[in-house]
Amino acid sequence: MKVDQKGHTVTIKDTQGDVNAFLEKVTQQFKTFEKQNIIIDLSSDSKLSENDLKAFLPLSKAHKKAKKSFVIVASDLDFNAISDKLVVVPSLLEAHDIIEMEEIERDLGF
């Protein structure tokens, strides 16, 4: 697990390729990141499935309730098959763009 902090956003990258073990680590350390926007970078995992992403739903809900962004970066997926409750994008650049847009929406009171 590699953690990179940039401004008000933390990017957490899976370095082992085991989504379940990665999710467990992120869940255990969630309190550390709860006051920042989170990008979960799973782009290096080519065996990722929609079901693997669904496991991140409780974390996403908790983070959104705290008025922070939670974005997952994944490639080689059918983005239409993924739940609308999760924000999943194909690149880190798009993840940062989504977070910027959500920050602006929160500032404006949407």
Protein backbone atom coordinates (compact mmCIF):
# COMPACT_ATOMS: atom_id res chain seq x y z
CA MET A 1 0.00 0.00 0.00
CA LYS A 2 1.45 3.32 -1.09
CA VAL A 3 0.02 6.58 0.29
CA ASP A 4 0.59 9.89 -1.47
CA GLN A 5 -0.74 13.16 -0.04
CA LYS A 6 -1.33 16.14 -2.30
CA GLY A 7 -3.14 19.10 -0.76
CA HIS A 8 -6.52 18.01 0.62
CA THR A 9 -6.42 14.66 -1.24
CA VAL A 10 -4.83 11.33 -0.36
CA THR A 11 -4.10 8.77 -3.08
CA ILE A 12 -3.89 5.20 -1.79
CA LYS A 13 -2.39 2.74 -4.27
CA ASP A 14 -2.63 -1.03 -4.05
CA THR A 15 0.89 -2.41 -4.50
CA GLN A 16 0.20 -6.11 -3.87
CA GLY A 17 -2.62 -6.91 -6.28
CA ASP A 18 -4.80 -8.45 -3.56
CA VAL A 19 -7.96 -6.32 -3.42
CA ASN A 20 -9.38 -7.94 -0.29
CA ALA A 21 -6.17 -7.49 1.75
CA PHE A 22 -5.89 -3.92 0.45
CA LEU A 23 -9.49 -3.14 1.43
CA GLU A 24 -8.84 -4.52 4.92
CA LYS A 25 -5.75 -2.29 5.33
CA VAL A 26 -7.60 0.80 4.10
CA THR A 27 -10.52 0.04 6.43
CA GLN A 28 -8.18 -0.37 9.42
CA GLN A 29 -6.45 2.95 8.67
CA PHE A 30 -9.61 4.81 7.62
CA LYS A 31 -9.55 7.13 10.66
CA THR A 32 -6.17 8.45 9.43
CA PHE A 33 -7.67 9.60 6.12
CA GLU A 34 -11.22 10.51 7.11
CA LYS A 35 -10.71 14.29 7.00
CA GLN A 36 -9.34 14.25 3.42
CA ASN A 37 -10.60 13.33 -0.02
CA ILE A 38 -9.57 9.80 -0.95
CA ILE A 39 -8.52 8.32 -4.28
CA ILE A 40 -8.24 4.53 -4.26
CA ASP A 41 -5.86 3.59 -7.10
CA LEU A 42 -6.56 0.05 -8.33
CA SER A 43 -5.42 0.76 -11.91
CA SER A 44 -2.54 -1.72 -11.73
CA ASP A 45 -4.88 -4.66 -10.94
CA SER A 46 -5.97 -6.19 -14.26
CA LYS A 47 -8.09 -8.95 -12.62
CA LEU A 48 -10.41 -6.47 -10.93
CA SER A 49 -14.15 -7.16 -11.12
CA GLU A 50 -17.29 -5.16 -10.39
CA ASN A 51 -17.83 -7.29 -7.27
CA ASP A 52 -14.39 -6.30 -5.96
CA LEU A 53 -15.42 -2.66 -6.26
CA LYS A 54 -18.73 -3.25 -4.44
CA ALA A 55 -16.70 -4.16 -1.35
CA PHE A 56 -15.62 -0.50 -1.15
CA LEU A 57 -19.24 0.72 -0.90
CA PRO A 58 -19.41 0.97 2.94
CA LEU A 59 -16.20 3.07 2.98
CA SER A 60 -17.52 5.26 0.20
CA LYS A 61 -20.83 5.85 2.00
CA ALA A 62 -19.10 6.73 5.27
CA HIS A 63 -16.77 9.14 3.52
CA LYS A 64 -19.53 10.87 1.56
CA LYS A 65 -21.53 11.25 4.79
CA ALA A 66 -18.55 13.19 6.16
CA LYS A 67 -18.80 15.48 3.08
CA LYS A 68 -15.57 14.27 1.48
CA SER A 69 -14.92 12.71 -1.93
CA PHE A 70 -14.17 9.01 -2.43
CA VAL A 71 -13.04 8.07 -5.95
CA ILE A 72 -11.79 4.72 -7.25
CA VAL A 73 -9.42 4.53 -10.22
CA ALA A 74 -9.76 1.30 -12.18
CA SER A 75 -9.08 0.35 -15.77
CA ASP A 76 -10.43 -2.36 -18.08
CA LEU A 77 -13.93 -2.38 -16.58
CA ASP A 78 -17.44 -1.93 -17.91
CA PHE A 79 -18.17 1.37 -16.18
CA ASN A 80 -21.89 1.07 -16.99
CA ALA A 81 -22.13 -2.10 -14.89
CA ILE A 82 -20.80 -0.39 -11.75
CA SER A 83 -23.18 0.88 -9.08
CA ASP A 84 -24.10 4.57 -9.28
CA LYS A 85 -23.27 4.84 -5.59
CA LEU A 86 -19.55 4.45 -6.37
CA VAL A 87 -17.46 6.98 -8.29
CA VAL A 88 -15.13 4.99 -10.55
CA VAL A 89 -12.94 6.58 -13.21
CA PRO A 90 -10.27 5.22 -15.59
CA SER A 91 -7.40 7.61 -14.70
CA LEU A 92 -5.87 9.56 -11.81
CA LEU A 93 -6.32 12.83 -13.71
CA GLU A 94 -10.07 12.22 -13.95
CA ALA A 95 -10.15 11.33 -10.23
CA HIS A 96 -8.58 14.68 -9.35
CA ASP A 97 -11.03 16.46 -11.69
CA ILE A 98 -14.03 14.76 -10.01
CA ILE A 99 -12.76 15.77 -6.57
CA GLU A 100 -12.31 19.38 -7.71
CA MET A 101 -15.87 19.45 -9.07
CA GLU A 102 -17.29 17.91 -5.88
CA GLU A 103 -15.35 20.44 -3.75
CA ILE A 104 -16.85 23.30 -5.77
CA GLU A 105 -20.34 21.81 -5.39
CA ARG A 106 -19.89 21.54 -1.61
CA ASP A 107 -18.62 25.13 -1.44
CA LEU A 108 -21.70 26.30 -3.32
CA GLY A 109 -23.99 24.29 -1.03
CA PHE A 110 -25.26 21.65 -3.48
